[in-house]
Structures are given as C-alpha cells and as structure tokens.
C-alpha atoms as a PDB file:
ATOM      1  CA  MET A   1     -22.566-161.853 137.465  1.00  0.00           C
ATOM      2  CA  ALA A   2     -26.028-162.000 139.123  1.00  0.00           C
ATOM      3  CA  ASP A   3     -24.814-162.458 142.511  1.00  0.00           C
ATOM      4  CA  LYS A   4     -22.706-158.920 141.718  1.00  0.00           C
ATOM      5  CA  VAL A   5     -25.519-157.377 140.568  1.00  0.00           C
ATOM      6  CA  THR A   6     -27.953-158.579 143.636  1.00  0.00           C
ATOM      7  CA  PHE A   7     -24.661-156.326 146.163  1.00  0.00           C
ATOM      8  CA  VAL A   8     -24.180-153.511 144.128  1.00  0.00           C
ATOM      9  CA  TYR A   9     -27.032-152.109 142.401  1.00  0.00           C
ATOM     10  CA  ALA A  10     -29.696-153.776 144.840  1.00  0.00           C
ATOM     11  CA  ASP A  11     -30.801-150.203 146.141  1.00  0.00           C
ATOM     12  CA  ASP A  12     -31.111-149.088 142.386  1.00  0.00           C
ATOM     13  CA  VAL A  13     -33.363-151.874 141.421  1.00  0.00           C
ATOM     14  CA  VAL A  14     -35.890-150.853 144.283  1.00  0.00           C
ATOM     15  CA  ARG A  15     -35.569-147.058 143.721  1.00  0.00           C
ATOM     16  CA  LEU A  16     -36.648-148.104 139.954  1.00  0.00           C
ATOM     17  CA  TYR A  17     -39.659-150.001 140.356  1.00  0.00           C
ATOM     18  CA  ASP A  18     -40.653-147.504 143.496  1.00  0.00           C
ATOM     19  CA  GLN A  19     -40.619-144.728 140.566  1.00  0.00           C
ATOM     20  CA  GLY A  20     -42.533-146.766 138.432  1.00  0.00           C
ATOM     21  CA  TRP A  21     -40.405-149.085 135.770  1.00  0.00           C
ATOM     22  CA  SER A  22     -41.986-152.152 135.236  1.00  0.00           C
ATOM     23  CA  ILE A  23     -39.888-155.569 136.215  1.00  0.00           C
ATOM     24  CA  ARG A  24     -39.826-156.440 132.573  1.00  0.00           C
ATOM     25  CA  ARG A  25     -37.913-152.687 132.022  1.00  0.00           C
ATOM     26  CA  VAL A  26     -35.596-152.504 135.462  1.00  0.00           C
ATOM     27  CA  ALA A  27     -34.191-156.531 134.241  1.00  0.00           C
ATOM     28  CA  GLY A  28     -33.370-155.007 131.177  1.00  0.00           C
ATOM     29  CA  LYS A  29     -32.018-151.815 132.469  1.00  0.00           C
ATOM     30  CA  PHE A  30     -28.992-153.908 134.333  1.00  0.00           C
ATOM     31  CA  GLY A  31     -29.268-157.062 131.723  1.00  0.00           C
ATOM     32  CA  CYS A  32     -30.730-159.507 134.421  1.00  0.00           C
ATOM     33  CA  SER A  33     -33.672-161.607 134.115  1.00  0.00           C
ATOM     34  CA  TYR A  34     -36.837-160.552 135.514  1.00  0.00           C
ATOM     35  CA  GLY A  35     -37.464-163.851 137.547  1.00  0.00           C
ATOM     36  CA  PHE A  36     -34.307-162.684 139.331  1.00  0.00           C
ATOM     37  CA  VAL A  37     -35.600-158.833 139.693  1.00  0.00           C
ATOM     38  CA  ARG A  38     -38.658-160.489 140.921  1.00  0.00           C
ATOM     39  CA  ARG A  39     -36.938-162.332 143.927  1.00  0.00           C
ATOM     40  CA  LEU A  40     -34.806-159.197 144.561  1.00  0.00           C
ATOM     41  CA  LEU A  41     -37.704-157.025 144.678  1.00  0.00           C
ATOM     42  CA  LEU A  42     -39.536-159.477 147.174  1.00  0.00           C
ATOM     43  CA  ALA A  43     -36.052-160.459 149.236  1.00  0.00           C
ATOM     44  CA  ARG A  44     -36.037-156.879 149.845  1.00  0.00           C
ATOM     45  CA  GLY A  45     -39.656-156.436 150.819  1.00  0.00           C
ATOM     46  CA  VAL A  46     -40.853-154.638 148.067  1.00  0.00           C
ATOM     47  CA  ARG A  47     -44.390-154.953 147.303  1.00  0.00           C
ATOM     48  CA  LEU A  48     -45.073-155.845 143.983  1.00  0.00           C
ATOM     49  CA  ARG A  49     -47.259-154.464 141.503  1.00  0.00           C
ATOM     50  CA  ALA A  50     -50.394-156.229 139.688  1.00  0.00           C
ATOM     51  CA  ARG A  51     -50.273-155.948 135.718  1.00  0.00           C
ATOM     52  CA  GLY A  52     -51.175-152.104 134.930  1.00  0.00           C
ATOM     53  CA  GLY A  53     -49.036-151.018 137.774  1.00  0.00           C
ATOM     54  CA  ARG A  54     -51.540-151.433 140.169  1.00  0.00           C
ATOM     55  CA  TYR A  55     -51.076-152.629 143.317  1.00  0.00           C
ATOM     56  CA  PRO A  56     -53.388-155.170 144.859  1.00  0.00           C
ATOM     57  CA  PRO A  57     -55.748-154.872 147.175  1.00  0.00           C
ATOM     58  CA  VAL A  58     -53.852-154.981 151.087  1.00  0.00           C
ATOM     59  CA  PRO A  59     -56.309-157.824 152.758  1.00  0.00           C
END
C-alpha cells in the first residue's frame, strides 16, 4: 500500500503539509506511518518544520 500512496497521494501529502498540517496528522489521514510521510516529504524536496511548526534557520 505504501507504494500506491506515494504515487497517488504524494501531491496531497505535500499540499497538506504546506498548509500547516503536522506530519503525524497527514500520516493519520492517509493511513501511513510518520516515517513514511517524512521520507516522502524529504524525497519531494520539502523543507521540514521543527517541532512547534517553525522552520529551522537557514544556514
């Protein structure tokens, strides 16, 4: 199922995360693990927020 989620819902995962959803909330919506959603976001080049919703400083 994880491969299908990657293909079918990847754009929705990125969109929801960009709208401010937490990784855990996105994972729950699609029935995936936290780690799977995190890896998917990183593979898509999404800059992840730190705990609390803030982006880490840019080096």
